[in-house]
């Protein structure tokens, strides 16, 4: 059986061995437009589509809220008008 200190050193060495090394581009750094491949283009298109769909949904929700508020305002104006007659 290994002494405790030797075991600790072995574990420390093994931890350093599992480090990952990335080439440029897979670290998230922006690359030049000439080095874009189909995967990058497809991923950008997917993200853009998701953002557009999210914005479309938010706009629809805001329009619904606006319509509800307009109905509320119309109702209150009708009440005011009926009270002042």
PDB file of N, CA and C in Angstrom:
ATOM      1  N   UNK A   1       0.848  -1.179   0.000  1.00  0.00           N
ATOM      2  CA  UNK A   1       0.000   0.000   0.000  1.00  0.00           C
ATOM      3  C   UNK A   1       0.888   1.235   0.000  1.00  0.00           C
ATOM      4  N   UNK A   2       0.478   2.249  -0.734  1.00  0.00           N
ATOM      5  CA  UNK A   2       1.247   3.489  -0.834  1.00  0.00           C
ATOM      6  C   UNK A   2       1.070   4.331   0.417  1.00  0.00           C
ATOM      7  N   UNK A   3       2.146   5.010   0.813  1.00  0.00           N
ATOM      8  CA  UNK A   3       1.968   5.959   1.920  1.00  0.00           C
ATOM      9  C   UNK A   3       1.033   7.088   1.484  1.00  0.00           C
ATOM     10  N   UNK A   4       0.413   7.705   2.440  1.00  0.00           N
ATOM     11  CA  UNK A   4      -0.578   8.745   2.175  1.00  0.00           C
ATOM     12  C   UNK A   4       0.005   9.888   1.357  1.00  0.00           C
ATOM     13  N   UNK A   5       1.223  10.313   1.623  1.00  0.00           N
ATOM     14  CA  UNK A   5       1.830  11.432   0.889  1.00  0.00           C
ATOM     15  C   UNK A   5       2.063  11.068  -0.577  1.00  0.00           C
ATOM     16  N   UNK A   6       2.461   9.845  -0.848  1.00  0.00           N
ATOM     17  CA  UNK A   6       2.678   9.412  -2.230  1.00  0.00           C
ATOM     18  C   UNK A   6       1.351   9.354  -2.983  1.00  0.00           C
ATOM     19  N   UNK A   7       0.325   8.916  -2.314  1.00  0.00           N
ATOM     20  CA  UNK A   7      -0.994   8.848  -2.926  1.00  0.00           C
ATOM     21  C   UNK A   7      -1.505  10.247  -3.266  1.00  0.00           C
ATOM     22  N   UNK A   8      -1.284  11.192  -2.362  1.00  0.00           N
ATOM     23  CA  UNK A   8      -1.716  12.570  -2.608  1.00  0.00           C
ATOM     24  C   UNK A   8      -0.977  13.152  -3.805  1.00  0.00           C
ATOM     25  N   UNK A   9       0.330  12.886  -3.908  1.00  0.00           N
ATOM     26  CA  UNK A   9       1.101  13.386  -5.054  1.00  0.00           C
ATOM     27  C   UNK A   9       0.605  12.754  -6.351  1.00  0.00           C
ATOM     28  N   UNK A  10       0.281  11.491  -6.312  1.00  0.00           N
ATOM     29  CA  UNK A  10      -0.212  10.802  -7.499  1.00  0.00           C
ATOM     30  C   UNK A  10      -1.535  11.410  -7.956  1.00  0.00           C
ATOM     31  N   UNK A  11      -2.412  11.689  -7.014  1.00  0.00           N
ATOM     32  CA  UNK A  11      -3.696  12.285  -7.361  1.00  0.00           C
ATOM     33  C   UNK A  11      -3.522  13.681  -7.935  1.00  0.00           C
ATOM     34  N   UNK A  12      -2.582  14.447  -7.389  1.00  0.00           N
ATOM     35  CA  UNK A  12      -2.338  15.786  -7.905  1.00  0.00           C
ATOM     36  C   UNK A  12      -1.814  15.725  -9.329  1.00  0.00           C
ATOM     37  N   UNK A  13      -0.953  14.786  -9.616  1.00  0.00           N
ATOM     38  CA  UNK A  13      -0.416  14.654 -10.965  1.00  0.00           C
ATOM     39  C   UNK A  13      -1.517  14.248 -11.945  1.00  0.00           C
ATOM     40  N   UNK A  14      -2.366  13.340 -11.549  1.00  0.00           N
ATOM     41  CA  UNK A  14      -3.430  12.894 -12.434  1.00  0.00           C
ATOM     42  C   UNK A  14      -4.411  14.016 -12.734  1.00  0.00           C
ATOM     43  N   UNK A  15      -4.659  14.887 -11.779  1.00  0.00           N
ATOM     44  CA  UNK A  15      -5.578  15.987 -11.993  1.00  0.00           C
ATOM     45  C   UNK A  15      -5.061  16.902 -13.098  1.00  0.00           C
ATOM     46  N   UNK A  16      -3.767  17.128 -13.158  1.00  0.00           N
ATOM     47  CA  UNK A  16      -3.193  17.990 -14.182  1.00  0.00           C
ATOM     48  C   UNK A  16      -3.220  17.354 -15.561  1.00  0.00           C
ATOM     49  N   UNK A  17      -3.243  16.056 -15.631  1.00  0.00           N
ATOM     50  CA  UNK A  17      -3.225  15.354 -16.905  1.00  0.00           C
ATOM     51  C   UNK A  17      -4.556  15.505 -17.633  1.00  0.00           C
ATOM     52  N   UNK A  18      -5.635  15.664 -16.908  1.00  0.00           N
ATOM     53  CA  UNK A  18      -6.949  15.709 -17.531  1.00  0.00           C
ATOM     54  C   UNK A  18      -7.333  17.097 -18.041  1.00  0.00           C
ATOM     55  N   UNK A  19      -6.402  18.035 -18.032  1.00  0.00           N
ATOM     56  CA  UNK A  19      -6.719  19.382 -18.518  1.00  0.00           C
ATOM     57  C   UNK A  19      -7.003  19.323 -20.010  1.00  0.00           C
ATOM     58  N   UNK A  20      -7.953  20.136 -20.456  1.00  0.00           N
ATOM     59  CA  UNK A  20      -8.309  20.180 -21.870  1.00  0.00           C
ATOM     60  C   UNK A  20      -7.599  21.340 -22.540  1.00  0.00           C
ATOM     61  N   UNK A  21      -7.208  21.112 -23.753  1.00  0.00           N
ATOM     62  CA  UNK A  21      -6.582  22.163 -24.540  1.00  0.00           C
ATOM     63  C   UNK A  21      -7.430  22.377 -25.780  1.00  0.00           C
ATOM     64  N   UNK A  22      -7.793  23.624 -26.021  1.00  0.00           N
ATOM     65  CA  UNK A  22      -8.654  23.957 -27.146  1.00  0.00           C
ATOM     66  C   UNK A  22      -7.858  24.685 -28.212  1.00  0.00           C
ATOM     67  N   UNK A  23      -8.209  24.420 -29.437  1.00  0.00           N
ATOM     68  CA  UNK A  23      -7.623  25.193 -30.522  1.00  0.00           C
ATOM     69  C   UNK A  23      -8.397  26.490 -30.652  1.00  0.00           C
ATOM     70  N   UNK A  24      -7.854  27.459 -31.353  1.00  0.00           N
ATOM     71  CA  UNK A  24      -8.534  28.736 -31.526  1.00  0.00           C
ATOM     72  C   UNK A  24      -9.853  28.490 -32.247  1.00  0.00           C
ATOM     73  N   UNK A  25     -10.882  29.170 -31.807  1.00  0.00           N
ATOM     74  CA  UNK A  25     -12.194  29.000 -32.411  1.00  0.00           C
ATOM     75  C   UNK A  25     -13.122  28.215 -31.512  1.00  0.00           C
ATOM     76  N   UNK A  26     -12.643  27.165 -30.872  1.00  0.00           N
ATOM     77  CA  UNK A  26     -13.513  26.423 -29.980  1.00  0.00           C
ATOM     78  C   UNK A  26     -13.477  26.989 -28.570  1.00  0.00           C
ATOM     79  N   UNK A  27     -12.757  28.076 -28.357  1.00  0.00           N
ATOM     80  CA  UNK A  27     -12.728  28.720 -27.042  1.00  0.00           C
ATOM     81  C   UNK A  27     -13.776  29.800 -26.934  1.00  0.00           C
ATOM     82  N   UNK A  28     -14.529  30.042 -27.987  1.00  0.00           N
ATOM     83  CA  UNK A  28     -15.538  31.078 -27.965  1.00  0.00           C
ATOM     84  C   UNK A  28     -15.030  32.390 -28.516  1.00  0.00           C
ATOM     85  N   UNK A  29     -13.778  32.420 -28.945  1.00  0.00           N
ATOM     86  CA  UNK A  29     -13.242  33.655 -29.505  1.00  0.00           C
ATOM     87  C   UNK A  29     -13.796  33.852 -30.904  1.00  0.00           C
ATOM     88  N   UNK A  30     -14.082  35.082 -31.267  1.00  0.00           N
ATOM     89  CA  UNK A  30     -14.597  35.321 -32.619  1.00  0.00           C
ATOM     90  C   UNK A  30     -13.545  35.006 -33.674  1.00  0.00           C
ATOM     91  N   UNK A  31     -14.000  34.424 -34.740  1.00  0.00           N
ATOM     92  CA  UNK A  31     -13.097  34.096 -35.836  1.00  0.00           C
ATOM     93  C   UNK A  31     -13.422  34.983 -37.019  1.00  0.00           C
ATOM     94  N   UNK A  32     -12.513  35.042 -37.936  1.00  0.00           N
ATOM     95  CA  UNK A  32     -12.740  35.821 -39.141  1.00  0.00           C
ATOM     96  C   UNK A  32     -13.840  35.217 -39.984  1.00  0.00           C
ATOM     97  N   UNK A  33     -14.454  36.027 -40.833  1.00  0.00           N
ATOM     98  CA  UNK A  33     -15.564  35.523 -41.644  1.00  0.00           C
ATOM     99  C   UNK A  33     -15.095  34.485 -42.661  1.00  0.00           C
ATOM    100  N   UNK A  34     -13.838  34.520 -43.019  1.00  0.00           N
ATOM    101  CA  UNK A  34     -13.329  33.550 -43.989  1.00  0.00           C
ATOM    102  C   UNK A  34     -13.251  32.155 -43.387  1.00  0.00           C
ATOM    103  N   UNK A  35     -13.131  32.053 -42.065  1.00  0.00           N
ATOM    104  CA  UNK A  35     -12.982  30.743 -41.445  1.00  0.00           C
ATOM    105  C   UNK A  35     -14.309  30.169 -40.963  1.00  0.00           C
ATOM    106  N   UNK A  36     -15.429  30.786 -41.326  1.00  0.00           N
ATOM    107  CA  UNK A  36     -16.725  30.251 -40.915  1.00  0.00           C
ATOM    108  C   UNK A  36     -17.047  28.994 -41.717  1.00  0.00           C
ATOM    109  N   UNK A  37     -17.442  27.983 -41.011  1.00  0.00           N
ATOM    110  CA  UNK A  37     -17.849  26.768 -41.696  1.00  0.00           C
ATOM    111  C   UNK A  37     -19.369  26.652 -41.635  1.00  0.00           C
ATOM    112  N   UNK A  38     -19.887  25.590 -42.194  1.00  0.00           N
ATOM    113  CA  UNK A  38     -21.343  25.447 -42.261  1.00  0.00           C
ATOM    114  C   UNK A  38     -21.956  25.291 -40.874  1.00  0.00           C
ATOM    115  N   UNK A  39     -21.218  24.685 -39.947  1.00  0.00           N
ATOM    116  CA  UNK A  39     -21.745  24.532 -38.592  1.00  0.00           C
ATOM    117  C   UNK A  39     -21.954  25.886 -37.937  1.00  0.00           C
ATOM    118  N   UNK A  40     -20.983  26.789 -38.069  1.00  0.00           N
ATOM    119  CA  UNK A  40     -21.087  28.124 -37.472  1.00  0.00           C
ATOM    120  C   UNK A  40     -22.253  28.880 -38.095  1.00  0.00           C
ATOM    121  N   UNK A  41     -22.385  28.787 -39.410  1.00  0.00           N
ATOM    122  CA  UNK A  41     -23.485  29.477 -40.091  1.00  0.00           C
ATOM    123  C   UNK A  41     -24.835  28.923 -39.655  1.00  0.00           C
ATOM    124  N   UNK A  42     -24.914  27.601 -39.558  1.00  0.00           N
ATOM    125  CA  UNK A  42     -26.168  26.971 -39.154  1.00  0.00           C
ATOM    126  C   UNK A  42     -26.511  27.340 -37.710  1.00  0.00           C
ATOM    127  N   UNK A  43     -25.510  27.350 -36.840  1.00  0.00           N
ATOM    128  CA  UNK A  43     -25.762  27.702 -35.443  1.00  0.00           C
ATOM    129  C   UNK A  43     -26.197  29.160 -35.316  1.00  0.00           C
ATOM    130  N   UNK A  44     -25.563  30.045 -36.066  1.00  0.00           N
ATOM    131  CA  UNK A  44     -25.955  31.456 -36.037  1.00  0.00           C
ATOM    132  C   UNK A  44     -27.393  31.617 -36.536  1.00  0.00           C
ATOM    133  N   UNK A  45     -27.728  30.901 -37.605  1.00  0.00           N
ATOM    134  CA  UNK A  45     -29.089  30.976 -38.147  1.00  0.00           C
ATOM    135  C   UNK A  45     -30.105  30.452 -37.133  1.00  0.00           C
ATOM    136  N   UNK A  46     -29.765  29.386 -36.439  1.00  0.00           N
ATOM    137  CA  UNK A  46     -30.656  28.835 -35.418  1.00  0.00           C
ATOM    138  C   UNK A  46     -30.856  29.821 -34.280  1.00  0.00           C
ATOM    139  N   UNK A  47     -29.770  30.441 -33.833  1.00  0.00           N
ATOM    140  CA  UNK A  47     -29.871  31.428 -32.753  1.00  0.00           C
ATOM    141  C   UNK A  47     -30.687  32.637 -33.198  1.00  0.00           C
ATOM    142  N   UNK A  48     -30.450  33.106 -34.416  1.00  0.00           N
ATOM    143  CA  UNK A  48     -31.212  34.246 -34.933  1.00  0.00           C
ATOM    144  C   UNK A  48     -32.698  33.909 -35.019  1.00  0.00           C
ATOM    145  N   UNK A  49     -33.007  32.704 -35.467  1.00  0.00           N
ATOM    146  CA  UNK A  49     -34.399  32.273 -35.559  1.00  0.00           C
ATOM    147  C   UNK A  49     -35.044  32.253 -34.175  1.00  0.00           C
ATOM    148  N   UNK A  50     -34.324  31.699 -33.197  1.00  0.00           N
ATOM    149  CA  UNK A  50     -34.846  31.648 -31.835  1.00  0.00           C
ATOM    150  C   UNK A  50     -35.110  33.053 -31.309  1.00  0.00           C
ATOM    151  N   UNK A  51     -34.184  33.978 -31.535  1.00  0.00           N
ATOM    152  CA  UNK A  51     -34.347  35.354 -31.058  1.00  0.00           C
ATOM    153  C   UNK A  51     -35.547  36.005 -31.730  1.00  0.00           C
ATOM    154  N   UNK A  52     -35.682  35.806 -33.041  1.00  0.00           N
ATOM    155  CA  UNK A  52     -36.827  36.393 -33.752  1.00  0.00           C
ATOM    156  C   UNK A  52     -38.149  35.841 -33.226  1.00  0.00           C
ATOM    157  N   UNK A  53     -38.195  34.534 -32.985  1.00  0.00           N
ATOM    158  CA  UNK A  53     -39.416  33.929 -32.464  1.00  0.00           C
ATOM    159  C   UNK A  53     -39.735  34.456 -31.066  1.00  0.00           C
ATOM    160  N   UNK A  54     -38.716  34.618 -30.255  1.00  0.00           N
ATOM    161  CA  UNK A  54     -38.903  35.150 -28.893  1.00  0.00           C
ATOM    162  C   UNK A  54     -39.423  36.586 -28.947  1.00  0.00           C
ATOM    163  N   UNK A  55     -38.830  37.406 -29.814  1.00  0.00           N
ATOM    164  CA  UNK A  55     -39.280  38.790 -29.948  1.00  0.00           C
ATOM    165  C   UNK A  55     -40.707  38.857 -30.489  1.00  0.00           C
ATOM    166  N   UNK A  56     -41.020  37.962 -31.420  1.00  0.00           N
ATOM    167  CA  UNK A  56     -42.375  37.914 -31.982  1.00  0.00           C
ATOM    168  C   UNK A  56     -43.390  37.578 -30.888  1.00  0.00           C
ATOM    169  N   UNK A  57     -43.054  36.622 -30.044  1.00  0.00           N
ATOM    170  CA  UNK A  57     -43.931  36.231 -28.941  1.00  0.00           C
ATOM    171  C   UNK A  57     -44.091  37.379 -27.942  1.00  0.00           C
ATOM    172  N   UNK A  58     -43.003  38.064 -27.629  1.00  0.00           N
ATOM    173  CA  UNK A  58     -43.084  39.201 -26.710  1.00  0.00           C
ATOM    174  C   UNK A  58     -43.947  40.316 -27.295  1.00  0.00           C
ATOM    175  N   UNK A  59     -43.801  40.581 -28.579  1.00  0.00           N
ATOM    176  CA  UNK A  59     -44.602  41.612 -29.234  1.00  0.00           C
ATOM    177  C   UNK A  59     -46.087  41.247 -29.211  1.00  0.00           C
ATOM    178  N   UNK A  60     -46.394  39.996 -29.480  1.00  0.00           N
ATOM    179  CA  UNK A  60     -47.781  39.531 -29.432  1.00  0.00           C
ATOM    180  C   UNK A  60     -48.359  39.714 -28.030  1.00  0.00           C
ATOM    181  N   UNK A  61     -47.572  39.368 -27.026  1.00  0.00           N
ATOM    182  CA  UNK A  61     -48.016  39.513 -25.639  1.00  0.00           C
ATOM    183  C   UNK A  61     -48.251  40.984 -25.287  1.00  0.00           C
ATOM    184  N   UNK A  62     -47.357  41.855 -25.718  1.00  0.00           N
ATOM    185  CA  UNK A  62     -47.523  43.287 -25.453  1.00  0.00           C
ATOM    186  C   UNK A  62     -48.759  43.850 -26.148  1.00  0.00           C
ATOM    187  N   UNK A  63     -49.014  43.388 -27.373  1.00  0.00           N
ATOM    188  CA  UNK A  63     -50.210  43.842 -28.088  1.00  0.00           C
ATOM    189  C   UNK A  63     -51.478  43.403 -27.367  1.00  0.00           C
ATOM    190  N   UNK A  64     -51.472  42.184 -26.825  1.00  0.00           N
ATOM    191  CA  UNK A  64     -52.624  41.709 -26.060  1.00  0.00           C
ATOM    192  C   UNK A  64     -52.839  42.572 -24.821  1.00  0.00           C
ATOM    193  N   UNK A  65     -51.754  42.879 -24.120  1.00  0.00           N
ATOM    194  CA  UNK A  65     -51.866  43.732 -22.934  1.00  0.00           C
ATOM    195  C   UNK A  65     -52.378  45.119 -23.306  1.00  0.00           C
ATOM    196  N   UNK A  66     -51.885  45.661 -24.401  1.00  0.00           N
ATOM    197  CA  UNK A  66     -52.327  46.976 -24.855  1.00  0.00           C
ATOM    198  C   UNK A  66     -53.820  46.967 -25.172  1.00  0.00           C
ATOM    199  N   UNK A  67     -54.275  45.923 -25.823  1.00  0.00           N
ATOM    200  CA  UNK A  67     -55.697  45.814 -26.158  1.00  0.00           C
ATOM    201  C   UNK A  67     -56.553  45.735 -24.891  1.00  0.00           C
ATOM    202  N   UNK A  68     -56.098  44.975 -23.897  1.00  0.00           N
ATOM    203  CA  UNK A  68     -56.831  44.897 -22.626  1.00  0.00           C
ATOM    204  C   UNK A  68     -56.905  46.270 -21.964  1.00  0.00           C
ATOM    205  N   UNK A  69     -55.803  46.990 -21.974  1.00  0.00           N
ATOM    206  CA  UNK A  69     -55.787  48.319 -21.357  1.00  0.00           C
ATOM    207  C   UNK A  69     -56.702  49.286 -22.108  1.00  0.00           C
ATOM    208  N   UNK A  70     -56.727  49.191 -23.423  1.00  0.00           N
ATOM    209  CA  UNK A  70     -57.623  50.049 -24.212  1.00  0.00           C
ATOM    210  C   UNK A  70     -59.083  49.764 -23.874  1.00  0.00           C
ATOM    211  N   UNK A  71     -59.420  48.487 -23.741  1.00  0.00           N
ATOM    212  CA  UNK A  71     -60.789  48.121 -23.373  1.00  0.00           C
ATOM    213  C   UNK A  71     -61.134  48.663 -21.989  1.00  0.00           C
ATOM    214  N   UNK A  72     -60.178  48.575 -21.077  1.00  0.00           N
ATOM    215  CA  UNK A  72     -60.392  49.090 -19.729  1.00  0.00           C
ATOM    216  C   UNK A  72     -60.615  50.600 -19.758  1.00  0.00           C
ATOM    217  N   UNK A  73     -59.806  51.300 -20.529  1.00  0.00           N
ATOM    218  CA  UNK A  73     -59.935  52.758 -20.655  1.00  0.00           C
ATOM    219  C   UNK A  73     -61.285  53.115 -21.258  1.00  0.00           C
ATOM    220  N   UNK A  74     -61.684  52.399 -22.315  1.00  0.00           N
ATOM    221  CA  UNK A  74     -62.987  52.653 -22.942  1.00  0.00           C
ATOM    222  C   UNK A  74     -64.121  52.441 -21.941  1.00  0.00           C
ATOM    223  N   UNK A  75     -64.010  51.383 -21.161  1.00  0.00           N
ATOM    224  CA  UNK A  75     -65.030  51.093 -20.157  1.00  0.00           C
ATOM    225  C   UNK A  75     -65.103  52.214 -19.120  1.00  0.00           C
ATOM    226  N   UNK A  76     -63.952  52.664 -18.653  1.00  0.00           N
ATOM    227  CA  UNK A  76     -63.929  53.746 -17.662  1.00  0.00           C
ATOM    228  C   UNK A  76     -64.457  55.054 -18.244  1.00  0.00           C
ATOM    229  N   UNK A  77     -64.131  55.324 -19.497  1.00  0.00           N
ATOM    230  CA  UNK A  77     -64.652  56.537 -20.141  1.00  0.00           C
ATOM    231  C   UNK A  77     -66.166  56.476 -20.272  1.00  0.00           C
ATOM    232  N   UNK A  78     -66.690  55.295 -20.590  1.00  0.00           N
ATOM    233  CA  UNK A  78     -68.144  55.128 -20.679  1.00  0.00           C
ATOM    234  C   UNK A  78     -68.800  55.367 -19.318  1.00  0.00           C
ATOM    235  N   UNK A  79     -68.175  54.861 -18.258  1.00  0.00           N
ATOM    236  CA  UNK A  79     -68.711  55.069 -16.917  1.00  0.00           C
ATOM    237  C   UNK A  79     -68.715  56.554 -16.563  1.00  0.00           C
ATOM    238  N   UNK A  80     -67.623  57.226 -16.856  1.00  0.00           N
ATOM    239  CA  UNK A  80     -67.523  58.665 -16.573  1.00  0.00           C
ATOM    240  C   UNK A  80     -68.582  59.423 -17.356  1.00  0.00           C
ATOM    241  N   UNK A  81     -68.737  59.058 -18.606  1.00  0.00           N
ATOM    242  CA  UNK A  81     -69.718  59.728 -19.463  1.00  0.00           C
ATOM    243  C   UNK A  81     -71.139  59.507 -18.952  1.00  0.00           C
ATOM    244  N   UNK A  82     -71.434  58.292 -18.523  1.00  0.00           N
ATOM    245  CA  UNK A  82     -72.782  58.011 -18.011  1.00  0.00           C
ATOM    246  C   UNK A  82     -73.033  58.716 -16.676  1.00  0.00           C
ATOM    247  N   UNK A  83     -72.011  58.937 -15.885  1.00  0.00           N
ATOM    248  CA  UNK A  83     -72.170  59.612 -14.594  1.00  0.00           C
ATOM    249  C   UNK A  83     -72.336  61.120 -14.764  1.00  0.00           C
ATOM    250  N   UNK A  84     -71.748  61.675 -15.791  1.00  0.00           N
ATOM    251  CA  UNK A  84     -71.831  63.122 -15.989  1.00  0.00           C
ATOM    252  C   UNK A  84     -73.114  63.540 -16.682  1.00  0.00           C
ATOM    253  N   UNK A  85     -73.892  62.642 -17.216  1.00  0.00           N
ATOM    254  CA  UNK A  85     -75.146  62.988 -17.904  1.00  0.00           C
ATOM    255  C   UNK A  85     -76.240  63.315 -16.956  1.00  0.00           C
TER     256      UNK A  85
END
